[in-house]
Protein backbone atom coordinates (compact mmCIF):
# COMPACT_ATOMS: atom_id res chain seq x y z
CA UNK A 1 37.32 129.69 62.66
CA UNK A 2 34.21 127.78 63.48
CA UNK A 3 31.29 127.22 61.13
CA UNK A 4 28.54 129.25 62.87
CA UNK A 5 25.79 127.19 61.25
CA UNK A 6 26.94 124.19 63.28
CA UNK A 7 26.66 126.01 66.60
CA UNK A 8 23.70 127.54 68.41
CA UNK A 9 21.33 130.18 67.10
CA UNK A 10 22.06 132.89 69.69
CA UNK A 11 25.68 134.12 69.34
CA UNK A 12 25.49 135.67 72.82
CA UNK A 13 25.09 132.17 74.27
CA UNK A 14 27.71 130.50 72.08
CA UNK A 15 30.67 128.91 73.83
CA UNK A 16 33.28 126.63 72.30
CA UNK A 17 36.22 124.76 73.76
CA UNK A 18 39.17 123.78 71.59
CA UNK A 19 40.56 120.41 72.66
CA UNK A 20 44.23 119.39 72.53
CA UNK A 21 43.63 117.74 69.15
CA UNK A 22 42.22 120.98 67.76
CA UNK A 23 38.63 119.79 67.75
CA UNK A 24 36.01 122.32 68.74
CA UNK A 25 33.38 121.24 71.22
CA UNK A 26 30.27 123.28 71.89
CA UNK A 27 29.61 123.64 75.62
CA UNK A 28 26.25 125.41 75.68
CA UNK A 29 23.01 125.37 73.72
CA UNK A 30 21.39 122.76 71.54
CA UNK A 31 24.73 121.34 70.35
CA UNK A 32 26.29 121.07 73.83
CA UNK A 33 28.78 118.23 74.04
CA UNK A 34 29.04 117.75 70.28
CA UNK A 35 32.19 118.20 68.30
CA UNK A 36 31.95 120.93 65.69
CA UNK A 37 33.97 121.11 62.49
CA UNK A 38 36.69 123.73 62.60
CA UNK A 39 37.66 125.48 59.40
CA UNK A 40 41.24 126.38 58.69
CA UNK A 41 42.09 129.79 57.32
CA UNK A 42 42.50 129.97 53.56
CA UNK A 43 45.91 128.88 52.45
CA UNK A 44 48.44 131.62 51.70
CA UNK A 45 50.81 130.32 49.04
CA UNK A 46 53.36 133.12 49.39
CA UNK A 47 53.37 132.52 53.15
CA UNK A 48 54.43 128.96 52.35
CA UNK A 49 57.27 130.20 50.17
CA UNK A 50 55.40 129.44 46.94
CA UNK A 51 55.43 132.38 44.56
CA UNK A 52 53.66 133.03 41.23
CA UNK A 53 55.25 130.96 38.48
CA UNK A 54 55.90 127.95 40.73
CA UNK A 55 54.61 124.64 39.41
CA UNK A 56 52.40 122.46 41.60
CA UNK A 57 51.87 118.76 40.92
CA UNK A 58 48.72 116.77 41.59
CA UNK A 59 49.12 114.09 44.23
CA UNK A 60 46.96 111.49 42.44
CA UNK A 61 48.85 111.86 39.16
CA UNK A 62 52.09 113.84 39.16
CA UNK A 63 51.91 114.37 35.41
CA UNK A 64 49.07 116.82 36.13
CA UNK A 65 50.39 120.28 36.97
CA UNK A 66 49.17 123.79 37.73
CA UNK A 67 51.10 127.05 37.74
CA UNK A 68 50.74 129.44 40.67
CA UNK A 69 49.25 132.84 39.81
CA UNK A 70 48.89 135.95 42.00
CA UNK A 71 46.22 136.04 44.74
CA UNK A 72 46.43 132.33 45.63
CA UNK A 73 45.11 131.26 42.24
CA UNK A 74 46.52 128.70 39.80
CA UNK A 75 46.45 128.27 36.06
CA UNK A 76 45.15 124.83 35.24
CA UNK A 77 44.49 123.74 31.65
CA UNK A 78 44.51 127.33 30.41
CA UNK A 79 42.12 128.75 33.02
CA UNK A 80 42.84 130.69 36.18
CA UNK A 81 40.98 129.27 39.17
CA UNK A 82 41.22 128.43 42.86
CA UNK A 83 43.25 125.49 44.15
CA UNK A 84 40.03 123.69 45.03
CA UNK A 85 38.44 124.20 41.61
CA UNK A 86 41.62 122.96 39.93
CA UNK A 87 41.72 119.92 42.23
CA UNK A 88 38.07 119.14 41.53
CA UNK A 89 38.68 119.40 37.77
CA UNK A 90 41.77 117.19 38.02
CA UNK A 91 39.89 114.58 40.07
CA UNK A 92 37.05 114.60 37.53
CA UNK A 93 39.52 114.15 34.66
CA UNK A 94 40.85 111.05 36.46
CA UNK A 95 37.36 109.58 36.75
CA UNK A 96 36.62 110.43 40.38
CA UNK A 97 33.06 111.49 41.12
CA UNK A 98 33.03 114.14 43.83
CA UNK A 99 31.34 117.49 44.30
CA UNK A 100 34.07 119.19 46.33
CA UNK A 101 37.80 118.99 46.92
CA UNK A 102 40.20 120.73 49.26
CA UNK A 103 42.94 121.96 46.97
CA UNK A 104 45.60 122.06 49.67
CA UNK A 105 45.17 118.31 50.25
CA UNK A 106 45.71 117.42 46.58
CA UNK A 107 48.27 119.88 45.17
CA UNK A 108 51.94 119.34 46.01
CA UNK A 109 55.03 121.49 46.05
CA UNK A 110 58.56 120.15 46.63
CA UNK A 111 57.24 116.66 47.35
CA UNK A 112 54.64 117.48 50.00
CA UNK A 113 50.99 118.49 49.79
CA UNK A 114 50.27 122.14 50.50
CA UNK A 115 48.42 121.07 53.65
CA UNK A 116 51.43 119.04 54.85
CA UNK A 117 53.71 121.99 54.06
CA UNK A 118 51.47 124.40 55.99
CA UNK A 119 51.32 122.09 59.03
CA UNK A 120 55.09 121.52 58.98
CA UNK A 121 55.84 125.22 58.70
CA UNK A 122 53.33 126.09 61.45
CA UNK A 123 54.94 123.50 63.71
CA UNK A 124 58.43 124.88 62.94
CA UNK A 125 57.26 128.44 63.70
CA UNK A 126 55.05 127.83 66.70
CA UNK A 127 56.15 124.46 68.05
CA UNK A 128 53.90 121.52 68.27
């Protein structure tokens, strides 16, 4: 998916090209020739073989854990929240000052971040 706000105003004139690296480049309109951020689909924990009850560890401090709940949520410090909200809270508790965090880049399962796991599994399924 592409963030429409980063493209042109008239969807009928919108054209994008996905490069070999997966970058999206706008080919028409006011952003012609510029790379545009591409958003990945939301992570599907069960699709990665991670079911409710599984314990995730935080990559910056493996003593910090979260338990997977239904609907791609986790229980972190007694509250049910998204992976990103839990990552942001964990980062804050470690003294980091940030306003946003991508949960799949911080939470780990079986020794790899969720993002690494997704990429590996996609490559195994679809080649790369």
